[in-house]
Amino acid sequence: MDKDLYELVKLAQAGDGEAMQDIITMLLPVIRAARRSMKPDRQDDLEQNLIELIIRKVYDYDLSGVPDYTAFSRNFIDKQEGNR
């Protein structure tokens, strides 16, 4: 799993099941932390629901609005200069 989240989402949206599995694996520590906050009899259901939600969100996410690093940096610097 040497790809970043953006690349994994792009691949998963193109039908790459391994990329989707990598995304879920990447988020598993957060899922497991949320799971521990529930009663034991509801933990499995919560984990399954969160994984299903992640899958739906990955497929529905519009990557066309995600800025590249240069645009992100420019926007960040502009905001910093505006706060002075």
C-alpha atoms as a PDB file:
ATOM      1  CA  MET A   1       0.000   0.000   0.000  1.00  0.00           C
ATOM      2  CA  ASP A   2       2.359   2.721  -1.216  1.00  0.00           C
ATOM      3  CA  LYS A   3      -0.239   4.921  -2.934  1.00  0.00           C
ATOM      4  CA  ASP A   4      -1.781   7.978  -1.307  1.00  0.00           C
ATOM      5  CA  LEU A   5      -5.504   8.255  -0.582  1.00  0.00           C
ATOM      6  CA  TYR A   6      -6.199  10.352  -3.676  1.00  0.00           C
ATOM      7  CA  GLU A   7      -4.672   7.734  -5.970  1.00  0.00           C
ATOM      8  CA  LEU A   8      -6.448   4.897  -4.152  1.00  0.00           C
ATOM      9  CA  VAL A   9      -9.825   6.637  -4.490  1.00  0.00           C
ATOM     10  CA  LYS A  10      -9.174   7.230  -8.174  1.00  0.00           C
ATOM     11  CA  LEU A  11      -8.321   3.560  -8.687  1.00  0.00           C
ATOM     12  CA  ALA A  12     -11.261   2.339  -6.598  1.00  0.00           C
ATOM     13  CA  GLN A  13     -13.664   4.502  -8.593  1.00  0.00           C
ATOM     14  CA  ALA A  14     -12.294   2.842 -11.733  1.00  0.00           C
ATOM     15  CA  GLY A  15     -13.212  -0.568 -10.302  1.00  0.00           C
ATOM     16  CA  ASP A  16      -9.976  -1.618  -8.604  1.00  0.00           C
ATOM     17  CA  GLY A  17     -11.124  -3.770  -5.683  1.00  0.00           C
ATOM     18  CA  GLU A  18      -7.641  -3.972  -4.227  1.00  0.00           C
ATOM     19  CA  ALA A  19      -7.502  -0.168  -4.014  1.00  0.00           C
ATOM     20  CA  MET A  20     -10.833  -0.167  -2.157  1.00  0.00           C
ATOM     21  CA  GLN A  21      -9.476  -2.770   0.248  1.00  0.00           C
ATOM     22  CA  ASP A  22      -6.365  -0.609   0.777  1.00  0.00           C
ATOM     23  CA  ILE A  23      -8.589   2.366   1.651  1.00  0.00           C
ATOM     24  CA  ILE A  24     -10.519   0.303   4.186  1.00  0.00           C
ATOM     25  CA  THR A  25      -7.265  -1.051   5.634  1.00  0.00           C
ATOM     26  CA  MET A  26      -5.916   2.501   5.895  1.00  0.00           C
ATOM     27  CA  LEU A  27      -9.012   3.591   7.838  1.00  0.00           C
ATOM     28  CA  LEU A  28      -9.307   0.450   9.958  1.00  0.00           C
ATOM     29  CA  PRO A  29      -7.656   1.971  13.073  1.00  0.00           C
ATOM     30  CA  VAL A  30     -10.291   4.729  13.107  1.00  0.00           C
ATOM     31  CA  ILE A  31     -13.079   2.217  12.503  1.00  0.00           C
ATOM     32  CA  ARG A  32     -11.825   0.022  15.328  1.00  0.00           C
ATOM     33  CA  ALA A  33     -11.574   3.019  17.692  1.00  0.00           C
ATOM     34  CA  ALA A  34     -15.196   3.918  16.934  1.00  0.00           C
ATOM     35  CA  ARG A  35     -16.158   0.284  17.389  1.00  0.00           C
ATOM     36  CA  ARG A  36     -14.713   0.231  20.914  1.00  0.00           C
ATOM     37  CA  SER A  37     -16.998   3.111  21.873  1.00  0.00           C
ATOM     38  CA  MET A  38     -20.079   0.901  21.382  1.00  0.00           C
ATOM     39  CA  LYS A  39     -21.584  -1.835  23.509  1.00  0.00           C
ATOM     40  CA  PRO A  40     -20.066  -5.215  22.617  1.00  0.00           C
ATOM     41  CA  ASP A  41     -23.266  -6.518  21.045  1.00  0.00           C
ATOM     42  CA  ARG A  42     -23.292  -3.598  18.566  1.00  0.00           C
ATOM     43  CA  GLN A  43     -19.620  -3.433  17.634  1.00  0.00           C
ATOM     44  CA  ASP A  44     -19.764  -5.754  14.615  1.00  0.00           C
ATOM     45  CA  ASP A  45     -22.781  -3.907  13.196  1.00  0.00           C
ATOM     46  CA  LEU A  46     -21.054  -0.554  13.607  1.00  0.00           C
ATOM     47  CA  GLU A  47     -17.894  -1.780  11.881  1.00  0.00           C
ATOM     48  CA  GLN A  48     -19.892  -3.171   8.964  1.00  0.00           C
ATOM     49  CA  ASN A  49     -21.952   0.027   8.666  1.00  0.00           C
ATOM     50  CA  LEU A  50     -18.849   2.209   8.677  1.00  0.00           C
ATOM     51  CA  ILE A  51     -17.170   0.102   6.001  1.00  0.00           C
ATOM     52  CA  GLU A  52     -20.307   0.268   3.843  1.00  0.00           C
ATOM     53  CA  LEU A  53     -20.431   4.048   4.342  1.00  0.00           C
ATOM     54  CA  ILE A  54     -16.774   4.409   3.338  1.00  0.00           C
ATOM     55  CA  ILE A  55     -17.353   2.368   0.185  1.00  0.00           C
ATOM     56  CA  ARG A  56     -20.364   4.501  -0.813  1.00  0.00           C
ATOM     57  CA  LYS A  57     -18.487   7.730  -0.109  1.00  0.00           C
ATOM     58  CA  VAL A  58     -15.459   6.608  -2.126  1.00  0.00           C
ATOM     59  CA  TYR A  59     -17.627   5.833  -5.141  1.00  0.00           C
ATOM     60  CA  ASP A  60     -19.611   9.080  -4.807  1.00  0.00           C
ATOM     61  CA  TYR A  61     -16.670  11.422  -4.141  1.00  0.00           C
ATOM     62  CA  ASP A  62     -16.000  13.924  -6.932  1.00  0.00           C
ATOM     63  CA  LEU A  63     -12.252  14.063  -7.454  1.00  0.00           C
ATOM     64  CA  SER A  64     -12.509  16.801 -10.088  1.00  0.00           C
ATOM     65  CA  GLY A  65     -12.796  19.468  -7.383  1.00  0.00           C
ATOM     66  CA  VAL A  66      -9.698  18.341  -5.485  1.00  0.00           C
ATOM     67  CA  PRO A  67      -6.871  20.852  -6.020  1.00  0.00           C
ATOM     68  CA  ASP A  68      -3.402  19.721  -6.990  1.00  0.00           C
ATOM     69  CA  TYR A  69      -0.525  20.571  -4.665  1.00  0.00           C
ATOM     70  CA  THR A  70       0.313  23.852  -6.424  1.00  0.00           C
ATOM     71  CA  ALA A  71      -3.270  25.113  -6.249  1.00  0.00           C
ATOM     72  CA  PHE A  72      -3.556  23.972  -2.629  1.00  0.00           C
ATOM     73  CA  SER A  73      -0.319  25.769  -1.693  1.00  0.00           C
ATOM     74  CA  ARG A  74      -1.340  28.945  -3.496  1.00  0.00           C
ATOM     75  CA  ASN A  75      -4.715  28.943  -1.735  1.00  0.00           C
ATOM     76  CA  PHE A  76      -3.069  28.282   1.639  1.00  0.00           C
ATOM     77  CA  ILE A  77      -0.566  31.123   1.191  1.00  0.00           C
ATOM     78  CA  ASP A  78      -3.295  33.520   0.053  1.00  0.00           C
ATOM     79  CA  LYS A  79      -5.327  32.725   3.164  1.00  0.00           C
ATOM     80  CA  GLN A  80      -2.270  33.182   5.408  1.00  0.00           C
ATOM     81  CA  GLU A  81      -1.516  36.560   3.870  1.00  0.00           C
ATOM     82  CA  GLY A  82      -5.153  37.585   4.299  1.00  0.00           C
ATOM     83  CA  ASN A  83      -4.962  36.858   8.036  1.00  0.00           C
ATOM     84  CA  ARG A  84      -2.089  39.289   8.629  1.00  0.00           C
END
